[in-house]
Amino acid sequence: MASWWPVTLTEWAQVIQVPIVAGGLLFVWLQIRQASRAMRLQALREVLTELGDVEMRKLRSEVLSHPVDDKGLEFKKRTVAVALDRVGYMSKCGLLPDTVFTELLEGMIEELWDKGLKETVAEVRKDRPGYCKCLEWLVKEKLPNI
């Protein structure tokens, strides 16, 4: 007569093995989840450091306060565009939540794009076709869908 209760050492080993494997899988899942959170937090720190720097804030302010066709600001516009391109890259990689754009940046990227970055990027792309592709993706595809 077969018993549902394990009798031999092999049967006991199989019974014990199931919760150990399940616990191991749970531990691995928790570690992956924690690593993912740490990566997203580091990306957010990078964005805050990149865009919150005093010099970058001055550059953004100058770009926003001058006319679109002011050629004296080209270097400053390029600096801002490259910083925002990094933000776009992090967003494209899934490292930034949408709340960064709705709560933290609140339309700043679109305003900078319209205030001269679009023209600057187009001008630089004549020589460098891949220039600020992630910024353009951010403005044209990501932000309108948030």
Protein backbone atom coordinates (compact mmCIF):
# COMPACT_ATOMS: atom_id res chain seq x y z
CA MET A 1 0.00 0.00 0.00
CA ALA A 2 1.42 3.36 -1.09
CA SER A 3 1.65 6.07 1.52
CA TRP A 4 1.37 9.78 0.92
CA TRP A 5 3.84 10.40 3.73
CA PRO A 6 7.55 10.19 2.70
CA VAL A 7 9.22 7.09 4.05
CA THR A 8 12.66 6.82 2.52
CA LEU A 9 15.51 9.27 2.73
CA THR A 10 15.17 10.04 -1.01
CA GLU A 11 11.53 10.96 -0.60
CA TRP A 12 12.37 13.22 2.35
CA ALA A 13 15.10 14.91 0.31
CA GLN A 14 12.63 15.64 -2.49
CA VAL A 15 10.10 17.06 -0.03
CA ILE A 16 12.69 19.35 1.54
CA GLN A 17 14.15 20.37 -1.82
CA VAL A 18 10.94 22.04 -3.06
CA PRO A 19 10.73 24.80 -0.38
CA ILE A 20 14.49 25.37 -0.59
CA VAL A 21 14.32 25.95 -4.36
CA ALA A 22 11.24 28.16 -3.98
CA GLY A 23 13.00 30.20 -1.30
CA GLY A 24 16.07 30.54 -3.50
CA LEU A 25 13.98 31.77 -6.43
CA LEU A 26 12.23 34.27 -4.16
CA PHE A 27 15.60 35.54 -2.92
CA VAL A 28 16.89 35.95 -6.50
CA TRP A 29 13.72 37.80 -7.51
CA LEU A 30 14.07 40.19 -4.53
CA GLN A 31 17.73 40.84 -5.38
CA ILE A 32 16.90 41.64 -9.01
CA ARG A 33 14.11 43.96 -7.90
CA GLN A 34 16.43 45.76 -5.50
CA ALA A 35 19.13 46.14 -8.17
CA SER A 36 16.55 47.59 -10.56
CA ARG A 37 15.46 50.13 -7.97
CA ALA A 38 19.06 51.08 -7.28
CA MET A 39 19.69 51.65 -11.00
CA ARG A 40 16.62 53.87 -11.33
CA LEU A 41 17.58 55.84 -8.23
CA GLN A 42 21.09 56.36 -9.57
CA ALA A 43 19.68 57.56 -12.90
CA LEU A 44 17.45 60.03 -11.07
CA ARG A 45 20.46 61.29 -9.11
CA GLU A 46 22.31 61.76 -12.40
CA VAL A 47 19.43 63.80 -13.83
CA LEU A 48 19.20 65.95 -10.72
CA THR A 49 22.96 66.50 -10.72
CA GLU A 50 23.07 67.21 -14.45
CA LEU A 51 20.13 69.61 -14.61
CA GLY A 52 20.28 70.99 -11.08
CA ASP A 53 23.86 72.20 -11.33
CA VAL A 54 24.13 75.98 -10.83
CA GLU A 55 25.91 76.48 -14.16
CA MET A 56 23.32 74.38 -16.03
CA ARG A 57 20.49 76.34 -14.43
CA LYS A 58 22.09 79.58 -15.61
CA LEU A 59 22.48 78.18 -19.12
CA ARG A 60 18.84 77.05 -19.23
CA SER A 61 17.71 80.45 -18.01
CA GLU A 62 19.75 82.24 -20.68
CA VAL A 63 18.40 80.01 -23.44
CA LEU A 64 14.84 80.65 -22.28
CA SER A 65 15.24 84.41 -21.90
CA HIS A 66 16.90 85.21 -25.24
CA PRO A 67 15.40 85.24 -28.74
CA VAL A 68 15.45 81.98 -30.69
CA ASP A 69 17.77 83.36 -33.37
CA ASP A 70 20.44 84.69 -30.97
CA LYS A 71 23.65 83.21 -32.44
CA GLY A 72 25.70 84.25 -29.40
CA LEU A 73 24.11 81.46 -27.43
CA GLU A 74 25.05 78.55 -29.73
CA PHE A 75 27.58 77.02 -27.33
CA LYS A 76 25.18 77.36 -24.42
CA LYS A 77 22.33 75.84 -26.43
CA ARG A 78 24.55 72.91 -27.40
CA THR A 79 25.51 72.34 -23.77
CA VAL A 80 21.87 72.31 -22.69
CA ALA A 81 20.91 70.07 -25.63
CA VAL A 82 23.58 67.50 -24.76
CA ALA A 83 22.48 67.44 -21.10
CA LEU A 84 18.85 66.91 -22.15
CA ASP A 85 19.97 64.25 -24.64
CA ARG A 86 21.40 62.30 -21.71
CA VAL A 87 18.05 62.61 -19.94
CA GLY A 88 16.35 61.32 -23.09
CA TYR A 89 18.74 58.38 -23.25
CA MET A 90 18.04 57.45 -19.63
CA SER A 91 14.31 57.68 -20.31
CA LYS A 92 14.62 55.57 -23.46
CA CYS A 93 16.44 52.90 -21.44
CA GLY A 94 13.56 52.84 -18.94
CA LEU A 95 15.59 54.26 -16.07
CA LEU A 96 13.38 57.29 -15.41
CA PRO A 97 9.74 57.17 -14.37
CA ASP A 98 7.24 59.41 -16.15
CA THR A 99 6.76 61.41 -12.95
CA VAL A 100 10.19 62.96 -13.52
CA PHE A 101 8.74 64.73 -16.54
CA THR A 102 5.31 65.54 -15.12
CA GLU A 103 6.34 66.64 -11.63
CA LEU A 104 10.00 67.56 -11.71
CA LEU A 105 10.66 69.05 -15.13
CA GLU A 106 7.09 70.28 -15.82
CA GLY A 107 7.30 71.31 -19.46
CA MET A 108 10.81 72.72 -19.29
CA ILE A 109 12.16 70.38 -21.98
CA GLU A 110 9.47 71.28 -24.51
CA GLU A 111 9.95 74.99 -23.81
CA LEU A 112 13.72 74.75 -24.29
CA TRP A 113 13.19 72.75 -27.50
CA ASP A 114 10.89 75.44 -28.87
CA LYS A 115 13.14 78.30 -27.69
CA GLY A 116 16.06 77.37 -29.90
CA LEU A 117 17.30 73.86 -29.23
CA LYS A 118 15.37 72.54 -32.23
CA GLU A 119 17.23 74.90 -34.59
CA THR A 120 20.60 74.26 -32.93
CA VAL A 121 20.18 70.49 -33.18
CA ALA A 122 19.13 70.77 -36.83
CA GLU A 123 22.19 72.90 -37.61
CA VAL A 124 24.64 70.51 -35.92
CA ARG A 125 23.00 67.51 -37.63
CA LYS A 126 24.18 68.76 -40.99
CA ASP A 127 27.65 67.54 -39.96
CA ARG A 128 26.68 64.98 -37.30
CA PRO A 129 23.47 63.12 -38.21
CA GLY A 130 23.15 61.33 -34.86
CA TYR A 131 23.40 64.46 -32.72
CA CYS A 132 20.86 64.57 -29.87
CA LYS A 133 18.62 61.79 -31.24
CA CYS A 134 17.43 60.88 -27.75
CA LEU A 135 16.45 64.48 -27.02
CA GLU A 136 14.41 64.58 -30.22
CA TRP A 137 12.80 61.24 -29.31
CA LEU A 138 11.99 62.60 -25.86
CA VAL A 139 10.33 65.74 -27.21
CA LYS A 140 8.50 64.23 -30.17
CA GLU A 141 7.50 60.77 -28.95
CA LYS A 142 7.80 60.37 -25.20
CA LEU A 143 6.53 63.65 -23.74
CA PRO A 144 3.37 63.96 -25.90
CA ASN A 145 2.29 60.51 -24.67
CA ILE A 146 2.65 61.23 -20.97
